[in-house]
C-alpha atoms as a PDB file:
ATOM      1  CA  MET A   1     -10.624 -30.247  11.958  1.00  0.00           C
ATOM      2  CA  ALA A   2      -7.848 -27.382  12.030  1.00  0.00           C
ATOM      3  CA  LYS A   3      -8.860 -24.063  13.311  1.00  0.00           C
ATOM      4  CA  LYS A   4      -8.135 -21.063  10.560  1.00  0.00           C
ATOM      5  CA  THR A   5      -4.597 -19.151  10.879  1.00  0.00           C
ATOM      6  CA  SER A   6      -5.473 -16.269   8.806  1.00  0.00           C
ATOM      7  CA  VAL A   7      -8.432 -14.153   7.662  1.00  0.00           C
ATOM      8  CA  LYS A   8      -9.453 -12.218   4.726  1.00  0.00           C
ATOM      9  CA  VAL A   9      -9.817  -8.178   5.226  1.00  0.00           C
ATOM     10  CA  ARG A  10     -10.391  -5.808   2.651  1.00  0.00           C
ATOM     11  CA  LEU A  11      -8.218  -2.665   2.129  1.00  0.00           C
ATOM     12  CA  VAL A  12      -9.959   0.609   0.586  1.00  0.00           C
ATOM     13  CA  PRO A  13      -8.445   3.947  -0.288  1.00  0.00           C
ATOM     14  CA  GLU A  14      -8.393   5.998   3.194  1.00  0.00           C
ATOM     15  CA  LEU A  15      -9.594   9.356   1.252  1.00  0.00           C
ATOM     16  CA  LYS A  16     -11.912   7.816  -1.232  1.00  0.00           C
ATOM     17  CA  PRO A  17     -13.526   4.569   0.956  1.00  0.00           C
ATOM     18  CA  ASP A  18     -16.352   4.380  -1.805  1.00  0.00           C
ATOM     19  CA  SER A  19     -13.826   4.030  -4.858  1.00  0.00           C
ATOM     20  CA  ALA A  20     -14.272   1.136  -7.467  1.00  0.00           C
ATOM     21  CA  TYR A  21     -11.028  -0.129  -6.465  1.00  0.00           C
ATOM     22  CA  ASN A  22      -9.718  -2.398  -3.420  1.00  0.00           C
ATOM     23  CA  TYR A  23      -7.218  -4.747  -2.383  1.00  0.00           C
ATOM     24  CA  TYR A  24      -7.891  -8.127  -0.328  1.00  0.00           C
ATOM     25  CA  ILE A  25      -4.976  -9.810   1.792  1.00  0.00           C
ATOM     26  CA  LYS A  26      -4.658 -12.376   4.420  1.00  0.00           C
ATOM     27  CA  LYS A  27      -4.262 -11.226   8.044  1.00  0.00           C
ATOM     28  CA  PRO A  28      -3.465 -13.556  10.793  1.00  0.00           C
ATOM     29  CA  SER A  29      -6.405 -14.451  12.919  1.00  0.00           C
ATOM     30  CA  ALA A  30      -4.602 -14.900  16.341  1.00  0.00           C
ATOM     31  CA  GLY A  31      -1.882 -13.219  18.194  1.00  0.00           C
ATOM     32  CA  GLU A  32      -1.008  -9.557  18.574  1.00  0.00           C
ATOM     33  CA  LYS A  33      -1.038  -8.947  15.023  1.00  0.00           C
ATOM     34  CA  ALA A  34      -4.702  -9.797  14.851  1.00  0.00           C
ATOM     35  CA  LYS A  35      -5.740  -6.840  16.865  1.00  0.00           C
ATOM     36  CA  VAL A  36      -4.097  -4.426  14.793  1.00  0.00           C
ATOM     37  CA  LYS A  37      -5.760  -2.335  12.241  1.00  0.00           C
ATOM     38  CA  ILE A  38      -3.615  -2.624   8.610  1.00  0.00           C
ATOM     39  CA  ARG A  39      -2.592   0.553   6.953  1.00  0.00           C
ATOM     40  CA  LEU A  40      -0.582   0.118   3.863  1.00  0.00           C
ATOM     41  CA  LYS A  41       0.654   2.538   1.123  1.00  0.00           C
ATOM     42  CA  LYS A  42      -0.640   0.574  -2.126  1.00  0.00           C
ATOM     43  CA  TYR A  43      -1.059   1.988  -5.662  1.00  0.00           C
ATOM     44  CA  ASN A  44      -4.225   3.019  -6.845  1.00  0.00           C
ATOM     45  CA  PRO A  45      -4.959   2.525 -10.593  1.00  0.00           C
ATOM     46  CA  SER A  46      -7.845   5.173 -10.453  1.00  0.00           C
ATOM     47  CA  THR A  47      -5.958   8.013  -9.432  1.00  0.00           C
ATOM     48  CA  ARG A  48      -2.783   6.690 -10.610  1.00  0.00           C
ATOM     49  CA  LYS A  49      -1.082   7.568  -7.384  1.00  0.00           C
ATOM     50  CA  HIS A  50       0.163   5.674  -4.120  1.00  0.00           C
ATOM     51  CA  GLU A  51      -2.060   6.157  -1.500  1.00  0.00           C
ATOM     52  CA  TRP A  52      -2.886   4.692   1.989  1.00  0.00           C
ATOM     53  CA  PHE A  53      -5.255   1.940   2.039  1.00  0.00           C
ATOM     54  CA  VAL A  54      -6.933   0.960   5.450  1.00  0.00           C
ATOM     55  CA  GLU A  55      -8.462  -2.397   6.830  1.00  0.00           C
ATOM     56  CA  LYS A  56     -12.362  -2.024   6.191  1.00  0.00           C
ATOM     57  CA  LYS A  57     -14.854  -5.179   7.333  1.00  0.00           C
ATOM     58  CA  LEU A  58     -15.903  -7.082   4.184  1.00  0.00           C
ATOM     59  CA  PRO A  59     -19.292  -6.822   2.509  1.00  0.00           C
ATOM     60  CA  PRO A  60     -22.042  -9.261   3.290  1.00  0.00           C
ATOM     61  CA  HIS A  61     -22.621 -11.649   0.771  1.00  0.00           C
ATOM     62  CA  SER A  62     -25.989 -13.230  -0.462  1.00  0.00           C
ATOM     63  CA  LYS A  63     -26.899 -16.631  -0.945  1.00  0.00           C
END
């Protein structure tokens, strides 16, 4: 079985991490870009502004 080339990460607003809105994106799992934390400017519909979103750990899921 092949290894995964990307991993899913969650982006939350930098100023309000407990906000109801967040983004999910794919990030490479190996290489130099895998070690860098992602910081993107995205639109936040709850504040109706473009804000900085930072990478956080995915929440634990329950089975």
